[in-house]
C-alpha atoms as a PDB file:
ATOM      1  CA  MET A   1     276.968 231.296  55.755  1.00  0.00           C
ATOM      2  CA  PRO A   2     279.305 228.313  56.285  1.00  0.00           C
ATOM      3  CA  TRP A   3     278.314 224.997  54.980  1.00  0.00           C
ATOM      4  CA  LEU A   4     276.795 222.668  57.565  1.00  0.00           C
ATOM      5  CA  ARG A   5     277.948 219.164  57.836  1.00  0.00           C
ATOM      6  CA  PRO A   6     275.324 216.406  57.890  1.00  0.00           C
ATOM      7  CA  GLU A   7     275.875 215.757  61.586  1.00  0.00           C
ATOM      8  CA  ASP A   8     275.449 219.501  62.342  1.00  0.00           C
ATOM      9  CA  TYR A   9     272.232 219.611  60.356  1.00  0.00           C
ATOM     10  CA  GLN A  10     270.832 216.761  62.402  1.00  0.00           C
ATOM     11  CA  GLY A  11     271.688 218.632  65.605  1.00  0.00           C
ATOM     12  CA  VAL A  12     269.779 221.686  64.441  1.00  0.00           C
ATOM     13  CA  ARG A  13     266.714 219.590  63.689  1.00  0.00           C
ATOM     14  CA  LYS A  14     266.921 218.070  67.154  1.00  0.00           C
ATOM     15  CA  ARG A  15     267.130 221.488  68.826  1.00  0.00           C
ATOM     16  CA  GLU A  16     264.134 222.715  66.805  1.00  0.00           C
ATOM     17  CA  TRP A  17     262.133 219.676  67.947  1.00  0.00           C
ATOM     18  CA  LEU A  18     263.166 220.220  71.589  1.00  0.00           C
ATOM     19  CA  TYR A  19     262.031 223.866  71.631  1.00  0.00           C
ATOM     20  CA  THR A  20     258.746 223.301  69.843  1.00  0.00           C
ATOM     21  CA  VAL A  21     255.865 224.429  72.088  1.00  0.00           C
ATOM     22  CA  PRO A  22     252.689 222.379  71.586  1.00  0.00           C
ATOM     23  CA  VAL A  23     249.565 224.393  70.988  1.00  0.00           C
ATOM     24  CA  LYS A  24     246.764 223.547  73.403  1.00  0.00           C
ATOM     25  CA  GLU A  25     243.444 222.647  71.933  1.00  0.00           C
ATOM     26  CA  GLN A  26     240.676 225.105  72.579  1.00  0.00           C
ATOM     27  CA  GLU A  27     238.694 224.000  75.599  1.00  0.00           C
ATOM     28  CA  PRO A  28     234.974 223.695  75.049  1.00  0.00           C
ATOM     29  CA  LYS A  29     232.902 226.447  76.592  1.00  0.00           C
ATOM     30  CA  LEU A  30     230.758 225.461  79.524  1.00  0.00           C
ATOM     31  CA  THR A  31     227.062 225.917  78.874  1.00  0.00           C
ATOM     32  CA  PRO A  32     224.248 225.595  81.405  1.00  0.00           C
ATOM     33  CA  SER A  33     222.925 222.046  81.520  1.00  0.00           C
ATOM     34  CA  LEU A  34     219.314 221.686  80.505  1.00  0.00           C
ATOM     35  CA  GLU A  35     219.064 218.107  81.698  1.00  0.00           C
ATOM     36  CA  ARG A  36     216.517 217.317  84.373  1.00  0.00           C
ATOM     37  CA  PRO A  37     217.752 216.145  87.763  1.00  0.00           C
ATOM     38  CA  ARG A  38     218.298 212.422  87.860  1.00  0.00           C
ATOM     39  CA  ARG A  39     215.288 210.575  89.128  1.00  0.00           C
ATOM     40  CA  PRO A  40     215.857 207.601  91.393  1.00  0.00           C
ATOM     41  CA  ALA A  41     215.722 204.188  89.781  1.00  0.00           C
ATOM     42  CA  TRP A  42     212.821 201.871  90.483  1.00  0.00           C
ATOM     43  CA  HIS A  43     214.901 199.629  92.720  1.00  0.00           C
ATOM     44  CA  GLU A  44     215.692 202.690  94.851  1.00  0.00           C
ATOM     45  CA  LEU A  45     212.022 203.663  95.061  1.00  0.00           C
ATOM     46  CA  PHE A  46     211.041 200.190  96.207  1.00  0.00           C
ATOM     47  CA  ARG A  47     213.316 200.608  99.222  1.00  0.00           C
ATOM     48  CA  THR A  48     211.213 203.507 100.510  1.00  0.00           C
ATOM     49  CA  THR A  49     208.093 203.156 102.634  1.00  0.00           C
ATOM     50  CA  GLU A  50     205.891 203.975  99.654  1.00  0.00           C
ATOM     51  CA  GLY A  51     207.801 201.464  97.538  1.00  0.00           C
ATOM     52  CA  ARG A  52     207.130 198.709 100.051  1.00  0.00           C
ATOM     53  CA  ILE A  53     203.454 199.665 100.047  1.00  0.00           C
ATOM     54  CA  LEU A  54     203.463 199.416  96.254  1.00  0.00           C
ATOM     55  CA  SER A  55     205.044 195.967  96.473  1.00  0.00           C
ATOM     56  CA  LEU A  56     202.349 194.894  98.920  1.00  0.00           C
ATOM     57  CA  GLY A  57     199.659 196.192  96.559  1.00  0.00           C
ATOM     58  CA  ILE A  58     201.101 194.225  93.656  1.00  0.00           C
ATOM     59  CA  ALA A  59     201.210 191.082  95.812  1.00  0.00           C
ATOM     60  CA  VAL A  60     197.582 191.510  96.928  1.00  0.00           C
ATOM     61  CA  ALA A  61     196.517 192.078  93.317  1.00  0.00           C
ATOM     62  CA  LEU A  62     198.307 188.918  92.161  1.00  0.00           C
ATOM     63  CA  VAL A  63     196.698 186.861  94.921  1.00  0.00           C
ATOM     64  CA  GLY A  64     193.276 188.105  93.807  1.00  0.00           C
ATOM     65  CA  LEU A  65     194.004 187.213  90.199  1.00  0.00           C
ATOM     66  CA  ILE A  66     195.057 183.717  91.258  1.00  0.00           C
ATOM     67  CA  VAL A  67     191.795 183.348  93.178  1.00  0.00           C
ATOM     68  CA  MET A  68     189.921 184.477  90.066  1.00  0.00           C
ATOM     69  CA  GLY A  69     191.650 181.733  88.113  1.00  0.00           C
ATOM     70  CA  VAL A  70     190.584 179.151  90.692  1.00  0.00           C
ATOM     71  CA  VAL A  71     187.003 180.488  90.647  1.00  0.00           C
ATOM     72  CA  ALA A  72     186.973 180.114  86.861  1.00  0.00           C
ATOM     73  CA  PHE A  73     187.217 176.324  87.218  1.00  0.00           C
ATOM     74  CA  TRP A  74     184.620 176.242  89.970  1.00  0.00           C
ATOM     75  CA  SER A  75     182.027 178.560  88.438  1.00  0.00           C
ATOM     76  CA  PRO A  76     182.438 180.597  85.219  1.00  0.00           C
ATOM     77  CA  GLN A  77     179.373 182.645  86.175  1.00  0.00           C
ATOM     78  CA  ALA A  78     180.994 183.633  89.473  1.00  0.00           C
ATOM     79  CA  LEU A  79     184.130 184.652  87.577  1.00  0.00           C
ATOM     80  CA  HIS A  80     182.007 186.834  85.289  1.00  0.00           C
ATOM     81  CA  MET A  81     180.377 188.498  88.298  1.00  0.00           C
ATOM     82  CA  PHE A  82     183.818 188.901  89.874  1.00  0.00           C
ATOM     83  CA  GLY A  83     184.954 190.894  86.841  1.00  0.00           C
ATOM     84  CA  VAL A  84     181.741 192.929  86.547  1.00  0.00           C
ATOM     85  CA  MET A  85     181.821 193.957  90.205  1.00  0.00           C
ATOM     86  CA  SER A  86     185.523 194.837  90.029  1.00  0.00           C
ATOM     87  CA  PHE A  87     184.988 196.996  86.951  1.00  0.00           C
ATOM     88  CA  SER A  88     181.885 198.722  88.342  1.00  0.00           C
ATOM     89  CA  ASN A  89     183.632 199.456  91.646  1.00  0.00           C
ATOM     90  CA  ILE A  90     186.526 201.155  89.862  1.00  0.00           C
ATOM     91  CA  ILE A  91     184.258 203.183  87.566  1.00  0.00           C
ATOM     92  CA  PHE A  92     181.152 203.891  89.663  1.00  0.00           C
ATOM     93  CA  GLY A  93     182.077 203.073  93.265  1.00  0.00           C
ATOM     94  CA  ARG A  94     181.118 200.497  95.841  1.00  0.00           C
ATOM     95  CA  ALA A  95     177.390 201.288  95.951  1.00  0.00           C
ATOM     96  CA  VAL A  96     176.896 200.251  92.324  1.00  0.00           C
ATOM     97  CA  SER A  97     179.238 197.269  92.636  1.00  0.00           C
ATOM     98  CA  LEU A  98     177.488 195.905  95.729  1.00  0.00           C
ATOM     99  CA  SER A  99     174.084 196.411  94.115  1.00  0.00           C
ATOM    100  CA  ILE A 100     175.150 194.513  91.006  1.00  0.00           C
ATOM    101  CA  GLY A 101     176.393 191.606  93.111  1.00  0.00           C
ATOM    102  CA  TYR A 102     173.188 191.377  95.145  1.00  0.00           C
ATOM    103  CA  ALA A 103     171.046 191.828  92.035  1.00  0.00           C
ATOM    104  CA  GLY A 104     172.873 188.834  90.535  1.00  0.00           C
ATOM    105  CA  GLY A 105     171.727 186.666  93.411  1.00  0.00           C
ATOM    106  CA  TYR A 106     175.007 186.474  95.328  1.00  0.00           C
ATOM    107  CA  GLY A 107     175.314 186.885  99.089  1.00  0.00           C
ATOM    108  CA  HIS A 108     177.651 188.658 101.496  1.00  0.00           C
ATOM    109  CA  ALA A 109     180.237 185.875 101.459  1.00  0.00           C
ATOM    110  CA  PHE A 110     181.020 186.607  97.807  1.00  0.00           C
ATOM    111  CA  VAL A 111     180.042 190.234  97.201  1.00  0.00           C
ATOM    112  CA  VAL A 112     181.701 191.915 100.184  1.00  0.00           C
ATOM    113  CA  PRO A 113     185.151 190.229  99.946  1.00  0.00           C
ATOM    114  CA  VAL A 114     185.394 191.003  96.221  1.00  0.00           C
ATOM    115  CA  ASN A 115     184.747 194.694  96.833  1.00  0.00           C
ATOM    116  CA  MET A 116     187.132 194.738  99.796  1.00  0.00           C
ATOM    117  CA  TRP A 117     189.832 193.249  97.573  1.00  0.00           C
ATOM    118  CA  VAL A 118     189.245 195.795  94.811  1.00  0.00           C
ATOM    119  CA  GLU A 119     189.400 198.811  97.112  1.00  0.00           C
ATOM    120  CA  THR A 120     192.401 197.434  99.003  1.00  0.00           C
ATOM    121  CA  VAL A 121     194.332 197.040  95.747  1.00  0.00           C
ATOM    122  CA  LEU A 122     193.294 200.526  94.605  1.00  0.00           C
ATOM    123  CA  VAL A 123     194.544 202.117  97.831  1.00  0.00           C
ATOM    124  CA  LEU A 124     197.800 200.159  98.033  1.00  0.00           C
ATOM    125  CA  LEU A 125     198.649 200.883  94.394  1.00  0.00           C
ATOM    126  CA  PHE A 126     197.405 204.447  94.150  1.00  0.00           C
ATOM    127  CA  TYR A 127     198.832 205.859  97.385  1.00  0.00           C
ATOM    128  CA  PRO A 128     202.535 205.310  96.548  1.00  0.00           C
ATOM    129  CA  LEU A 129     202.030 206.390  92.929  1.00  0.00           C
ATOM    130  CA  PHE A 130     200.301 209.555  94.150  1.00  0.00           C
ATOM    131  CA  VAL A 131     203.183 210.293  96.523  1.00  0.00           C
ATOM    132  CA  PHE A 132     205.823 209.649  93.833  1.00  0.00           C
ATOM    133  CA  SER A 133     203.956 211.891  91.393  1.00  0.00           C
ATOM    134  CA  THR A 134     203.438 214.682  93.937  1.00  0.00           C
ATOM    135  CA  ARG A 135     207.134 214.655  94.824  1.00  0.00           C
ATOM    136  CA  LYS A 136     208.055 214.629  91.103  1.00  0.00           C
ATOM    137  CA  LEU A 137     210.031 211.416  91.579  1.00  0.00           C
ATOM    138  CA  VAL A 138     208.222 209.559  88.814  1.00  0.00           C
ATOM    139  CA  VAL A 139     206.041 210.815  85.977  1.00  0.00           C
ATOM    140  CA  PHE A 140     203.082 208.713  84.828  1.00  0.00           C
ATOM    141  CA  PRO A 141     201.710 210.291  81.631  1.00  0.00           C
ATOM    142  CA  SER A 142     198.819 207.833  81.416  1.00  0.00           C
ATOM    143  CA  LEU A 143     197.793 208.525  85.032  1.00  0.00           C
ATOM    144  CA  LYS A 144     198.518 212.241  85.023  1.00  0.00           C
ATOM    145  CA  ARG A 145     194.926 213.365  84.546  1.00  0.00           C
ATOM    146  CA  PHE A 146     193.560 210.957  87.149  1.00  0.00           C
ATOM    147  CA  VAL A 147     196.211 212.002  89.682  1.00  0.00           C
ATOM    148  CA  GLU A 148     195.414 215.664  89.039  1.00  0.00           C
ATOM    149  CA  ARG A 149     191.675 215.082  89.538  1.00  0.00           C
ATOM    150  CA  THR A 150     192.321 213.167  92.720  1.00  0.00           C
ATOM    151  CA  HIS A 151     194.633 215.910  93.981  1.00  0.00           C
ATOM    152  CA  GLU A 152     191.966 218.526  93.282  1.00  0.00           C
ATOM    153  CA  ALA A 153     189.314 216.475  95.084  1.00  0.00           C
ATOM    154  CA  ALA A 154     191.652 215.928  98.044  1.00  0.00           C
ATOM    155  CA  GLU A 155     192.355 219.643  98.309  1.00  0.00           C
ATOM    156  CA  TYR A 156     188.636 220.416  98.047  1.00  0.00           C
ATOM    157  CA  HIS A 157     187.811 218.134 101.007  1.00  0.00           C
ATOM    158  CA  HIS A 158     191.071 218.797 102.839  1.00  0.00           C
ATOM    159  CA  ASP A 159     189.798 221.496 105.224  1.00  0.00           C
ATOM    160  CA  LYS A 160     186.674 219.538 106.127  1.00  0.00           C
ATOM    161  CA  VAL A 161     188.641 216.446 107.046  1.00  0.00           C
ATOM    162  CA  ARG A 162     191.434 218.341 108.806  1.00  0.00           C
ATOM    163  CA  ARG A 163     188.910 219.874 111.189  1.00  0.00           C
ATOM    164  CA  TYR A 164     188.252 216.453 112.723  1.00  0.00           C
ATOM    165  CA  GLY A 165     191.629 214.827 112.085  1.00  0.00           C
ATOM    166  CA  ILE A 166     191.748 211.045 112.182  1.00  0.00           C
ATOM    167  CA  VAL A 167     188.015 210.760 112.868  1.00  0.00           C
ATOM    168  CA  GLY A 168     187.261 212.983 109.875  1.00  0.00           C
ATOM    169  CA  LEU A 169     189.360 210.826 107.568  1.00  0.00           C
ATOM    170  CA  PHE A 170     187.750 207.663 108.963  1.00  0.00           C
ATOM    171  CA  ILE A 171     184.258 209.016 108.247  1.00  0.00           C
ATOM    172  CA  PHE A 172     185.191 210.404 104.823  1.00  0.00           C
ATOM    173  CA  VAL A 173     185.955 206.971 103.370  1.00  0.00           C
ATOM    174  CA  TRP A 174     182.408 205.844 104.147  1.00  0.00           C
ATOM    175  CA  PHE A 175     180.963 207.899 101.291  1.00  0.00           C
ATOM    176  CA  PRO A 176     180.498 205.648  98.239  1.00  0.00           C
ATOM    177  CA  PHE A 177     180.082 208.195  95.445  1.00  0.00           C
ATOM    178  CA  TRP A 178     182.069 210.365  93.063  1.00  0.00           C
ATOM    179  CA  MET A 179     185.533 211.411  94.203  1.00  0.00           C
ATOM    180  CA  THR A 180     185.050 210.267  97.781  1.00  0.00           C
ATOM    181  CA  GLY A 181     186.027 207.064  99.485  1.00  0.00           C
ATOM    182  CA  PRO A 182     189.357 205.355 100.117  1.00  0.00           C
ATOM    183  CA  VAL A 183     191.396 206.560  97.126  1.00  0.00           C
ATOM    184  CA  VAL A 184     190.769 210.258  97.749  1.00  0.00           C
ATOM    185  CA  GLY A 185     190.941 209.575 101.485  1.00  0.00           C
ATOM    186  CA  ALA A 186     194.468 208.211 101.088  1.00  0.00           C
ATOM    187  CA  ALA A 187     195.461 211.366  99.172  1.00  0.00           C
ATOM    188  CA  ILE A 188     193.958 213.545 101.919  1.00  0.00           C
ATOM    189  CA  GLY A 189     195.912 211.609 104.541  1.00  0.00           C
ATOM    190  CA  TYR A 190     199.119 212.400 102.670  1.00  0.00           C
ATOM    191  CA  LEU A 191     198.208 216.099 102.386  1.00  0.00           C
ATOM    192  CA  LEU A 192     197.510 216.133 106.135  1.00  0.00           C
ATOM    193  CA  ALA A 193     201.084 214.852 106.644  1.00  0.00           C
ATOM    194  CA  PHE A 194     199.903 211.671 108.354  1.00  0.00           C
ATOM    195  CA  PRO A 195     202.492 208.864 108.340  1.00  0.00           C
ATOM    196  CA  ALA A 196     201.930 206.436 105.485  1.00  0.00           C
ATOM    197  CA  TRP A 197     200.994 203.439 107.605  1.00  0.00           C
ATOM    198  CA  LEU A 198     198.657 205.538 109.776  1.00  0.00           C
ATOM    199  CA  THR A 199     196.901 206.832 106.665  1.00  0.00           C
ATOM    200  CA  LEU A 200     196.478 203.343 105.228  1.00  0.00           C
ATOM    201  CA  SER A 201     195.325 201.909 108.562  1.00  0.00           C
ATOM    202  CA  ILE A 202     192.617 204.568 108.912  1.00  0.00           C
ATOM    203  CA  VAL A 203     191.534 204.381 105.282  1.00  0.00           C
ATOM    204  CA  LEU A 204     191.382 200.576 105.056  1.00  0.00           C
ATOM    205  CA  ALA A 205     189.755 200.137 108.473  1.00  0.00           C
ATOM    206  CA  GLY A 206     187.101 202.697 107.570  1.00  0.00           C
ATOM    207  CA  THR A 207     186.649 201.068 104.169  1.00  0.00           C
ATOM    208  CA  TYR A 208     186.092 197.575 105.573  1.00  0.00           C
ATOM    209  CA  ILE A 209     183.617 198.725 108.203  1.00  0.00           C
ATOM    210  CA  ALA A 210     181.806 200.879 105.649  1.00  0.00           C
ATOM    211  CA  MET A 211     181.703 197.934 103.241  1.00  0.00           C
ATOM    212  CA  LEU A 212     179.999 195.749 105.838  1.00  0.00           C
ATOM    213  CA  ALA A 213     177.523 198.502 106.692  1.00  0.00           C
ATOM    214  CA  TRP A 214     176.676 199.308 103.076  1.00  0.00           C
ATOM    215  CA  GLY A 215     176.504 195.617 102.258  1.00  0.00           C
ATOM    216  CA  GLY A 216     173.935 194.982 104.985  1.00  0.00           C
ATOM    217  CA  LEU A 217     171.898 198.027 103.950  1.00  0.00           C
ATOM    218  CA  LEU A 218     171.855 197.215 100.245  1.00  0.00           C
ATOM    219  CA  PHE A 219     171.249 193.502 100.773  1.00  0.00           C
ATOM    220  CA  GLY A 220     168.205 194.329 102.900  1.00  0.00           C
ATOM    221  CA  LEU A 221     166.992 196.773 100.247  1.00  0.00           C
ATOM    222  CA  HIS A 222     167.345 194.191  97.471  1.00  0.00           C
ATOM    223  CA  THR A 223     165.555 191.598  99.587  1.00  0.00           C
ATOM    224  CA  ARG A 224     162.606 193.916 100.156  1.00  0.00           C
ATOM    225  CA  VAL A 225     162.174 195.010  96.535  1.00  0.00           C
ATOM    226  CA  ALA A 226     162.702 191.519  95.076  1.00  0.00           C
ATOM    227  CA  GLY A 227     159.008 190.786  95.545  1.00  0.00           C
ATOM    228  CA  LEU A 228     158.019 193.700  93.314  1.00  0.00           C
ATOM    229  CA  GLY A 229     159.318 191.983  90.199  1.00  0.00           C
ATOM    230  CA  PRO A 230     162.487 190.924  88.392  1.00  0.00           C
ATOM    231  CA  TRP A 231     162.998 194.522  87.259  1.00  0.00           C
ATOM    232  CA  ALA A 232     163.345 195.896  90.819  1.00  0.00           C
ATOM    233  CA  PRO A 233     167.037 194.998  91.459  1.00  0.00           C
ATOM    234  CA  GLY A 234     167.980 196.525  88.108  1.00  0.00           C
ATOM    235  CA  LEU A 235     166.127 199.680  89.096  1.00  0.00           C
ATOM    236  CA  ILE A 236     168.264 200.001  92.224  1.00  0.00           C
ATOM    237  CA  VAL A 237     171.461 199.616  90.193  1.00  0.00           C
ATOM    238  CA  GLY A 238     170.231 202.181  87.663  1.00  0.00           C
ATOM    239  CA  THR A 239     169.359 204.613  90.445  1.00  0.00           C
ATOM    240  CA  PHE A 240     172.869 204.479  91.888  1.00  0.00           C
ATOM    241  CA  ILE A 241     174.384 204.967  88.428  1.00  0.00           C
ATOM    242  CA  LEU A 242     172.172 208.035  87.927  1.00  0.00           C
ATOM    243  CA  ILE A 243     173.320 209.387  91.290  1.00  0.00           C
ATOM    244  CA  PHE A 244     176.912 208.857  90.203  1.00  0.00           C
ATOM    245  CA  VAL A 245     176.357 210.645  86.888  1.00  0.00           C
ATOM    246  CA  ALA A 246     174.576 213.519  88.649  1.00  0.00           C
ATOM    247  CA  GLY A 247     177.462 213.865  91.113  1.00  0.00           C
ATOM    248  CA  TYR A 248     179.962 213.875  88.273  1.00  0.00           C
ATOM    249  CA  TRP A 249     177.967 216.519  86.384  1.00  0.00           C
ATOM    250  CA  LEU A 250     177.614 218.747  89.447  1.00  0.00           C
ATOM    251  CA  ASN A 251     181.318 218.420  90.140  1.00  0.00           C
ATOM    252  CA  ARG A 252     182.214 219.479  86.583  1.00  0.00           C
ATOM    253  CA  ARG A 253     179.753 222.351  86.766  1.00  0.00           C
ATOM    254  CA  ARG A 254     181.304 223.578  90.017  1.00  0.00           C
ATOM    255  CA  LYS A 255     184.786 223.488  88.494  1.00  0.00           C
ATOM    256  CA  ASN A 256     183.654 225.390  85.383  1.00  0.00           C
ATOM    257  CA  ARG A 257     182.033 228.035  87.565  1.00  0.00           C
ATOM    258  CA  GLN A 258     185.238 228.466  89.542  1.00  0.00           C
ATOM    259  CA  LEU A 259     187.239 228.883  86.333  1.00  0.00           C
ATOM    260  CA  LYS A 260     184.885 231.587  85.076  1.00  0.00           C
ATOM    261  CA  GLU A 261     184.935 233.591  88.305  1.00  0.00           C
ATOM    262  CA  PRO A 262     187.382 236.534  88.165  1.00  0.00           C
ATOM    263  CA  GLU A 263     190.329 236.316  90.536  1.00  0.00           C
END
């Protein structure tokens, strides 16, 4: 082999570099994605009809809280009753809440508006959250059980209300006991495929009229039994709580019986 000159050697190195074929890196294998579909952001949800209803519910709730703050300066006792009635309405329903207000010596001008505010906030907040949860747009772990119970109650009463349509939904919200009333009524309206604003108009209109009717009935009852003794108003409140507990127990018993029945 002849000796290569330095300049020839450099030319060989250049030709080797020019004809070098780069090796491609191994492409990663595609695997099925296990990620859940992207849920819309909150600002996107608030642009929907249900999102605007939720915004309205938050605004109504804030206005009520501001009024509570004003009442605190005017009368701490009234503020205490405000809180007790709000809590009892959420837990036991309007019958117990109205009875507590009248038993405390307050009249329609205070008792009825407080309960109207509570149930309005409940409907305006719960309805959009129920729709978001049903459509799997948003998951609320802390509200999951309550939403499921409400969905079950709405399905249970669905056929009865559907038979009479709008009138049936209007009448349904009059009932003041366990798993009836405006919250479940709003869920039934959604299951009946009523437009959102029609559902809320029916539910809230029925709620306000029912509140006035129940308020007049219970106020008259408290007035009549007041002469029996100071224990009489408390007896009425206790009776409604017992009715609530009995309704809850019967409802649980019915569900357990359905689970035990063979398919």
